[in-house]
Amino acid sequence: MWPTADETQVLLQNAGDGDADAVQALLERHRGSLRRLVQLRLDRRLIRRVDASDVVQDVMLEAHQRLPEYFKDGSMPFHLWIRHLARDRIIDMHRRHRAAAKRSVDKERPLQSQQFGDQSSIELAAQLRDPELTPAAATIRKELQERFLAALDEMDEDDRDILLMRHFEQLGNGEAAEALGISPAAAGMRHLRALKRLRTILGEPEPN
């Protein structure tokens, strides 16, 4: 989901040396990944009010303004840093929209099925689609994806977060650990526990 590190490092080096074109290229290189993250992470009820592209643009502007801070520290990989900015923005949006609206997001009733009627779920499922599947197999895959998304909605935030990181954002265990501020061993255990809870919700037996 995130751009490869080699070209990012070259752009970071040039951007740190004051190359404005490199700064622009660096941020644009991460725009698509940020959009997928926002679509994945925004509350499905909130996404009817908020355009993911607007959220991404806000994150890009903040990242541009705070790049000097990143260059001073730089201890975190760039994609995890900009991901952190996006996550903070999404959390703040959830808080503000729920607190400020007279009719809160939680009380709204969508016209479609709440579980899978929103664009983010459709695009998320599309990320997992195998173009070589037959129509019948594709239907089965879609049903399994919908079961999986529904199961995620039943999980607590920590479990859902680690599963989304590992299986949709495609972060490695070390990257997930760094993003969460915990040790790789703790991140690995959290991932295993979350998978076990997911299997329980889905009614699937534990692997031998």
C-alpha atoms as a PDB file:
ATOM      1  CA  MET A   1       0.000   0.000   0.000  1.00  0.00           C
ATOM      2  CA  TRP A   2       2.854   2.401   0.782  1.00  0.00           C
ATOM      3  CA  PRO A   3       5.523   3.456  -1.741  1.00  0.00           C
ATOM      4  CA  THR A   4       8.837   1.616  -1.751  1.00  0.00           C
ATOM      5  CA  ALA A   5      11.539   3.089   0.445  1.00  0.00           C
ATOM      6  CA  ASP A   6      14.418   3.524  -2.042  1.00  0.00           C
ATOM      7  CA  GLU A   7      12.944   6.289  -4.178  1.00  0.00           C
ATOM      8  CA  THR A   8      11.420   7.908  -1.096  1.00  0.00           C
ATOM      9  CA  GLN A   9      14.899   8.125   0.465  1.00  0.00           C
ATOM     10  CA  VAL A  10      16.290   9.862  -2.612  1.00  0.00           C
ATOM     11  CA  LEU A  11      13.429  12.368  -2.562  1.00  0.00           C
ATOM     12  CA  LEU A  12      13.903  12.922   1.171  1.00  0.00           C
ATOM     13  CA  GLN A  13      17.579  13.644   0.663  1.00  0.00           C
ATOM     14  CA  ASN A  14      16.873  16.145  -2.111  1.00  0.00           C
ATOM     15  CA  ALA A  15      13.969  17.719  -0.221  1.00  0.00           C
ATOM     16  CA  GLY A  16      16.172  18.105   2.843  1.00  0.00           C
ATOM     17  CA  ASP A  17      18.694  19.927   0.672  1.00  0.00           C
ATOM     18  CA  GLY A  18      16.024  22.485  -0.262  1.00  0.00           C
ATOM     19  CA  ASP A  19      14.783  21.073  -3.562  1.00  0.00           C
ATOM     20  CA  ALA A  20      11.171  22.295  -3.812  1.00  0.00           C
ATOM     21  CA  ASP A  21      10.379  19.913  -6.686  1.00  0.00           C
ATOM     22  CA  ALA A  22      11.537  16.984  -4.552  1.00  0.00           C
ATOM     23  CA  VAL A  23       9.251  18.104  -1.727  1.00  0.00           C
ATOM     24  CA  GLN A  24       6.292  18.161  -4.106  1.00  0.00           C
ATOM     25  CA  ALA A  25       7.222  14.793  -5.621  1.00  0.00           C
ATOM     26  CA  LEU A  26       7.663  13.277  -2.162  1.00  0.00           C
ATOM     27  CA  LEU A  27       4.202  14.309  -1.040  1.00  0.00           C
ATOM     28  CA  GLU A  28       2.493  13.412  -4.320  1.00  0.00           C
ATOM     29  CA  ARG A  29       4.140   9.997  -4.167  1.00  0.00           C
ATOM     30  CA  HIS A  30       2.161   9.307  -0.980  1.00  0.00           C
ATOM     31  CA  ARG A  31      -1.181  10.822  -2.039  1.00  0.00           C
ATOM     32  CA  GLY A  32      -2.726   7.572  -3.286  1.00  0.00           C
ATOM     33  CA  SER A  33      -1.690   5.668  -0.164  1.00  0.00           C
ATOM     34  CA  LEU A  34      -3.100   8.410   2.051  1.00  0.00           C
ATOM     35  CA  ARG A  35      -6.396   8.316   0.179  1.00  0.00           C
ATOM     36  CA  ARG A  36      -6.688   4.559   0.683  1.00  0.00           C
ATOM     37  CA  LEU A  37      -5.857   5.003   4.366  1.00  0.00           C
ATOM     38  CA  VAL A  38      -8.530   7.686   4.806  1.00  0.00           C
ATOM     39  CA  GLN A  39     -11.146   5.613   2.972  1.00  0.00           C
ATOM     40  CA  LEU A  40     -10.242   2.643   5.122  1.00  0.00           C
ATOM     41  CA  ARG A  41     -10.150   4.456   8.455  1.00  0.00           C
ATOM     42  CA  LEU A  42     -12.971   7.005   8.246  1.00  0.00           C
ATOM     43  CA  ASP A  43     -16.086   5.971  10.108  1.00  0.00           C
ATOM     44  CA  ARG A  44     -18.526   4.651   7.509  1.00  0.00           C
ATOM     45  CA  ARG A  45     -21.235   6.959   8.762  1.00  0.00           C
ATOM     46  CA  LEU A  46     -18.932   9.979   8.690  1.00  0.00           C
ATOM     47  CA  ILE A  47     -17.756   9.358   5.129  1.00  0.00           C
ATOM     48  CA  ARG A  48     -21.203  10.429   3.870  1.00  0.00           C
ATOM     49  CA  ARG A  49     -20.380  13.900   5.183  1.00  0.00           C
ATOM     50  CA  VAL A  50     -16.683  14.092   4.430  1.00  0.00           C
ATOM     51  CA  ASP A  51     -14.849  13.881   1.107  1.00  0.00           C
ATOM     52  CA  ALA A  52     -11.759  11.705   1.499  1.00  0.00           C
ATOM     53  CA  SER A  53      -9.901  13.906  -1.011  1.00  0.00           C
ATOM     54  CA  ASP A  54     -10.398  16.937   1.245  1.00  0.00           C
ATOM     55  CA  VAL A  55      -8.965  15.043   4.206  1.00  0.00           C
ATOM     56  CA  VAL A  56      -5.972  13.948   2.136  1.00  0.00           C
ATOM     57  CA  GLN A  57      -5.357  17.520   0.974  1.00  0.00           C
ATOM     58  CA  ASP A  58      -5.409  18.751   4.585  1.00  0.00           C
ATOM     59  CA  VAL A  59      -2.872  16.074   5.550  1.00  0.00           C
ATOM     60  CA  MET A  60      -0.648  17.001   2.589  1.00  0.00           C
ATOM     61  CA  LEU A  61      -0.693  20.668   3.608  1.00  0.00           C
ATOM     62  CA  GLU A  62       0.128  19.808   7.215  1.00  0.00           C
ATOM     63  CA  ALA A  63       2.932  17.497   6.116  1.00  0.00           C
ATOM     64  CA  HIS A  64       4.382  20.254   3.908  1.00  0.00           C
ATOM     65  CA  GLN A  65       4.312  22.716   6.815  1.00  0.00           C
ATOM     66  CA  ARG A  66       5.855  20.255   9.256  1.00  0.00           C
ATOM     67  CA  LEU A  67       8.534  18.790   7.006  1.00  0.00           C
ATOM     68  CA  PRO A  68      11.263  20.863   8.732  1.00  0.00           C
ATOM     69  CA  GLU A  69      10.294  19.134  12.015  1.00  0.00           C
ATOM     70  CA  TYR A  70      10.604  15.759  10.325  1.00  0.00           C
ATOM     71  CA  PHE A  71      14.041  16.575   8.914  1.00  0.00           C
ATOM     72  CA  LYS A  72      15.268  17.614  12.373  1.00  0.00           C
ATOM     73  CA  ASP A  73      14.232  14.276  13.874  1.00  0.00           C
ATOM     74  CA  GLY A  74      13.752  11.787  11.032  1.00  0.00           C
ATOM     75  CA  SER A  75      13.827   8.797  13.362  1.00  0.00           C
ATOM     76  CA  MET A  76      10.562   7.419  11.943  1.00  0.00           C
ATOM     77  CA  PRO A  77      10.234   6.212   8.328  1.00  0.00           C
ATOM     78  CA  PHE A  78       8.504   8.881   6.258  1.00  0.00           C
ATOM     79  CA  HIS A  79       5.468   6.764   5.377  1.00  0.00           C
ATOM     80  CA  LEU A  80       4.825   6.064   9.077  1.00  0.00           C
ATOM     81  CA  TRP A  81       5.227   9.755   9.896  1.00  0.00           C
ATOM     82  CA  ILE A  82       2.737  10.950   7.282  1.00  0.00           C
ATOM     83  CA  ARG A  83       0.442   8.056   8.223  1.00  0.00           C
ATOM     84  CA  HIS A  84       0.546   9.328  11.819  1.00  0.00           C
ATOM     85  CA  LEU A  85      -0.514  12.802  10.669  1.00  0.00           C
ATOM     86  CA  ALA A  86      -3.436  11.264   8.768  1.00  0.00           C
ATOM     87  CA  ARG A  87      -4.519   9.123  11.725  1.00  0.00           C
ATOM     88  CA  ASP A  88      -4.481  12.155  14.033  1.00  0.00           C
ATOM     89  CA  ARG A  89      -6.551  14.104  11.517  1.00  0.00           C
ATOM     90  CA  ILE A  90      -9.118  11.299  11.241  1.00  0.00           C
ATOM     91  CA  ILE A  91      -9.388  10.927  15.025  1.00  0.00           C
ATOM     92  CA  ASP A  92      -9.888  14.680  15.381  1.00  0.00           C
ATOM     93  CA  MET A  93     -12.573  14.688  12.672  1.00  0.00           C
ATOM     94  CA  HIS A  94     -14.458  11.870  14.388  1.00  0.00           C
ATOM     95  CA  ARG A  95     -14.330  13.779  17.665  1.00  0.00           C
ATOM     96  CA  ARG A  96     -15.408  17.121  16.228  1.00  0.00           C
ATOM     97  CA  HIS A  97     -18.247  15.817  14.061  1.00  0.00           C
ATOM     98  CA  ARG A  98     -19.717  13.741  16.861  1.00  0.00           C
ATOM     99  CA  ALA A  99     -19.454  16.501  19.447  1.00  0.00           C
ATOM    100  CA  ALA A 100     -20.575  19.443  17.310  1.00  0.00           C
ATOM    101  CA  ALA A 101     -23.503  18.060  15.357  1.00  0.00           C
ATOM    102  CA  LYS A 102     -26.915  18.407  16.937  1.00  0.00           C
ATOM    103  CA  ARG A 103     -27.849  15.241  15.195  1.00  0.00           C
ATOM    104  CA  SER A 104     -24.744  13.135  15.758  1.00  0.00           C
ATOM    105  CA  VAL A 105     -23.233  10.875  13.141  1.00  0.00           C
ATOM    106  CA  ASP A 106     -24.122   7.889  15.322  1.00  0.00           C
ATOM    107  CA  LYS A 107     -27.841   8.697  15.099  1.00  0.00           C
ATOM    108  CA  GLU A 108     -27.983   9.043  11.341  1.00  0.00           C
ATOM    109  CA  ARG A 109     -29.743   6.332   9.345  1.00  0.00           C
ATOM    110  CA  PRO A 110     -28.338   5.628   5.875  1.00  0.00           C
ATOM    111  CA  LEU A 111     -30.634   4.937   2.950  1.00  0.00           C
ATOM    112  CA  GLN A 112     -28.632   1.808   2.140  1.00  0.00           C
ATOM    113  CA  SER A 113     -27.495  -1.059   4.299  1.00  0.00           C
ATOM    114  CA  GLN A 114     -25.145   0.510   6.846  1.00  0.00           C
ATOM    115  CA  GLN A 115     -22.623  -2.295   6.748  1.00  0.00           C
ATOM    116  CA  PHE A 116     -21.624  -2.182   3.097  1.00  0.00           C
ATOM    117  CA  GLY A 117     -23.448   0.668   1.373  1.00  0.00           C
ATOM    118  CA  ASP A 118     -20.613   3.181   1.555  1.00  0.00           C
ATOM    119  CA  GLN A 119     -17.922   3.873  -1.009  1.00  0.00           C
ATOM    120  CA  SER A 120     -15.059   3.058   1.337  1.00  0.00           C
ATOM    121  CA  SER A 121     -16.199  -0.542   1.737  1.00  0.00           C
ATOM    122  CA  ILE A 122     -16.659  -0.948  -1.995  1.00  0.00           C
ATOM    123  CA  GLU A 123     -13.169   0.377  -2.712  1.00  0.00           C
ATOM    124  CA  LEU A 124     -11.685  -1.675   0.096  1.00  0.00           C
ATOM    125  CA  ALA A 125     -13.200  -4.841  -1.338  1.00  0.00           C
ATOM    126  CA  ALA A 126     -11.882  -3.858  -4.759  1.00  0.00           C
ATOM    127  CA  GLN A 127      -8.344  -3.844  -3.378  1.00  0.00           C
ATOM    128  CA  LEU A 128      -8.693  -7.549  -2.638  1.00  0.00           C
ATOM    129  CA  ARG A 129     -10.240  -8.520  -5.962  1.00  0.00           C
ATOM    130  CA  ASP A 130      -8.457 -11.067  -8.130  1.00  0.00           C
ATOM    131  CA  PRO A 131      -9.054 -10.085 -11.792  1.00  0.00           C
ATOM    132  CA  GLU A 132      -8.685 -13.716 -12.912  1.00  0.00           C
ATOM    133  CA  LEU A 133     -11.514 -15.075 -10.773  1.00  0.00           C
ATOM    134  CA  THR A 134     -14.545 -16.473 -12.557  1.00  0.00           C
ATOM    135  CA  PRO A 135     -17.840 -14.607 -11.931  1.00  0.00           C
ATOM    136  CA  ALA A 136     -18.991 -17.344  -9.523  1.00  0.00           C
ATOM    137  CA  ALA A 137     -15.708 -17.311  -7.634  1.00  0.00           C
ATOM    138  CA  ALA A 138     -15.771 -13.507  -7.547  1.00  0.00           C
ATOM    139  CA  THR A 139     -19.222 -13.620  -5.945  1.00  0.00           C
ATOM    140  CA  ILE A 140     -17.965 -15.994  -3.271  1.00  0.00           C
ATOM    141  CA  ARG A 141     -14.925 -13.771  -2.682  1.00  0.00           C
ATOM    142  CA  LYS A 142     -17.160 -10.705  -2.301  1.00  0.00           C
ATOM    143  CA  GLU A 143     -19.347 -12.498   0.245  1.00  0.00           C
ATOM    144  CA  LEU A 144     -16.252 -13.494   2.225  1.00  0.00           C
ATOM    145  CA  GLN A 145     -14.965  -9.926   2.109  1.00  0.00           C
ATOM    146  CA  GLU A 146     -18.272  -8.627   3.423  1.00  0.00           C
ATOM    147  CA  ARG A 147     -18.229 -11.181   6.237  1.00  0.00           C
ATOM    148  CA  PHE A 148     -14.714 -10.086   7.100  1.00  0.00           C
ATOM    149  CA  LEU A 149     -15.633  -6.375   7.139  1.00  0.00           C
ATOM    150  CA  ALA A 150     -18.682  -7.074   9.287  1.00  0.00           C
ATOM    151  CA  ALA A 151     -16.513  -9.074  11.702  1.00  0.00           C
ATOM    152  CA  LEU A 152     -14.069  -6.160  11.957  1.00  0.00           C
ATOM    153  CA  ASP A 153     -16.945  -3.920  13.024  1.00  0.00           C
ATOM    154  CA  GLU A 154     -17.580  -6.249  15.983  1.00  0.00           C
ATOM    155  CA  MET A 155     -13.984  -6.092  17.230  1.00  0.00           C
ATOM    156  CA  ASP A 156     -12.517  -3.598  19.676  1.00  0.00           C
ATOM    157  CA  GLU A 157     -10.309  -0.786  18.401  1.00  0.00           C
ATOM    158  CA  ASP A 158      -6.956  -2.400  19.239  1.00  0.00           C
ATOM    159  CA  ASP A 159      -7.808  -5.654  17.448  1.00  0.00           C
ATOM    160  CA  ARG A 160      -9.277  -3.904  14.432  1.00  0.00           C
ATOM    161  CA  ASP A 161      -6.313  -1.529  14.238  1.00  0.00           C
ATOM    162  CA  ILE A 162      -3.621  -4.210  14.113  1.00  0.00           C
ATOM    163  CA  LEU A 163      -5.535  -6.258  11.528  1.00  0.00           C
ATOM    164  CA  LEU A 164      -6.030  -3.242   9.276  1.00  0.00           C
ATOM    165  CA  MET A 165      -2.367  -2.336   9.631  1.00  0.00           C
ATOM    166  CA  ARG A 166      -1.080  -5.784   8.776  1.00  0.00           C
ATOM    167  CA  HIS A 167      -3.594  -6.973   6.162  1.00  0.00           C
ATOM    168  CA  PHE A 168      -4.813  -3.805   4.417  1.00  0.00           C
ATOM    169  CA  GLU A 169      -2.083  -1.223   4.938  1.00  0.00           C
ATOM    170  CA  GLN A 170       0.413  -4.062   4.442  1.00  0.00           C
ATOM    171  CA  LEU A 171       2.719  -2.867   7.206  1.00  0.00           C
ATOM    172  CA  GLY A 172       5.270  -5.352   8.457  1.00  0.00           C
ATOM    173  CA  ASN A 173       5.306  -6.353  12.106  1.00  0.00           C
ATOM    174  CA  GLY A 174       8.184  -3.972  12.868  1.00  0.00           C
ATOM    175  CA  GLU A 175       6.417  -1.061  11.135  1.00  0.00           C
ATOM    176  CA  ALA A 176       3.163  -1.769  12.977  1.00  0.00           C
ATOM    177  CA  ALA A 177       5.080  -1.895  16.261  1.00  0.00           C
ATOM    178  CA  GLU A 178       6.721   1.468  15.553  1.00  0.00           C
ATOM    179  CA  ALA A 179       3.410   3.051  14.561  1.00  0.00           C
ATOM    180  CA  LEU A 180       1.805   1.780  17.775  1.00  0.00           C
ATOM    181  CA  GLY A 181       4.760   2.657  19.982  1.00  0.00           C
ATOM    182  CA  ILE A 182       5.186  -0.904  21.263  1.00  0.00           C
ATOM    183  CA  SER A 183       7.813  -3.616  20.865  1.00  0.00           C
ATOM    184  CA  PRO A 184       7.778  -5.932  17.830  1.00  0.00           C
ATOM    185  CA  ALA A 185       7.120  -8.861  20.175  1.00  0.00           C
ATOM    186  CA  ALA A 186       4.089  -7.082  21.658  1.00  0.00           C
ATOM    187  CA  ALA A 187       2.818  -6.192  18.182  1.00  0.00           C
ATOM    188  CA  GLY A 188       3.188  -9.825  17.095  1.00  0.00           C
ATOM    189  CA  MET A 189       1.233 -11.056  20.105  1.00  0.00           C
ATOM    190  CA  ARG A 190      -1.474  -8.448  19.537  1.00  0.00           C
ATOM    191  CA  HIS A 191      -1.762  -9.571  15.915  1.00  0.00           C
ATOM    192  CA  LEU A 192      -2.088 -13.242  16.890  1.00  0.00           C
ATOM    193  CA  ARG A 193      -4.742 -12.439  19.506  1.00  0.00           C
ATOM    194  CA  ALA A 194      -6.671 -10.331  17.002  1.00  0.00           C
ATOM    195  CA  LEU A 195      -6.596 -13.142  14.421  1.00  0.00           C
ATOM    196  CA  LYS A 196      -7.868 -15.577  17.041  1.00  0.00           C
ATOM    197  CA  ARG A 197     -10.753 -13.251  17.947  1.00  0.00           C
ATOM    198  CA  LEU A 198     -11.529 -12.717  14.276  1.00  0.00           C
ATOM    199  CA  ARG A 199     -11.764 -16.488  13.713  1.00  0.00           C
ATOM    200  CA  THR A 200     -14.086 -16.762  16.712  1.00  0.00           C
ATOM    201  CA  ILE A 201     -16.400 -14.076  15.341  1.00  0.00           C
ATOM    202  CA  LEU A 202     -16.388 -15.711  11.918  1.00  0.00           C
ATOM    203  CA  GLY A 203     -17.048 -19.119  13.477  1.00  0.00           C
ATOM    204  CA  GLU A 204     -13.924 -20.633  11.956  1.00  0.00           C
ATOM    205  CA  PRO A 205     -11.891 -23.340  13.720  1.00  0.00           C
ATOM    206  CA  GLU A 206      -8.379 -22.638  14.939  1.00  0.00           C
ATOM    207  CA  PRO A 207      -5.668 -23.909  12.547  1.00  0.00           C
ATOM    208  CA  ASN A 208      -3.909 -27.104  13.632  1.00  0.00           C
END
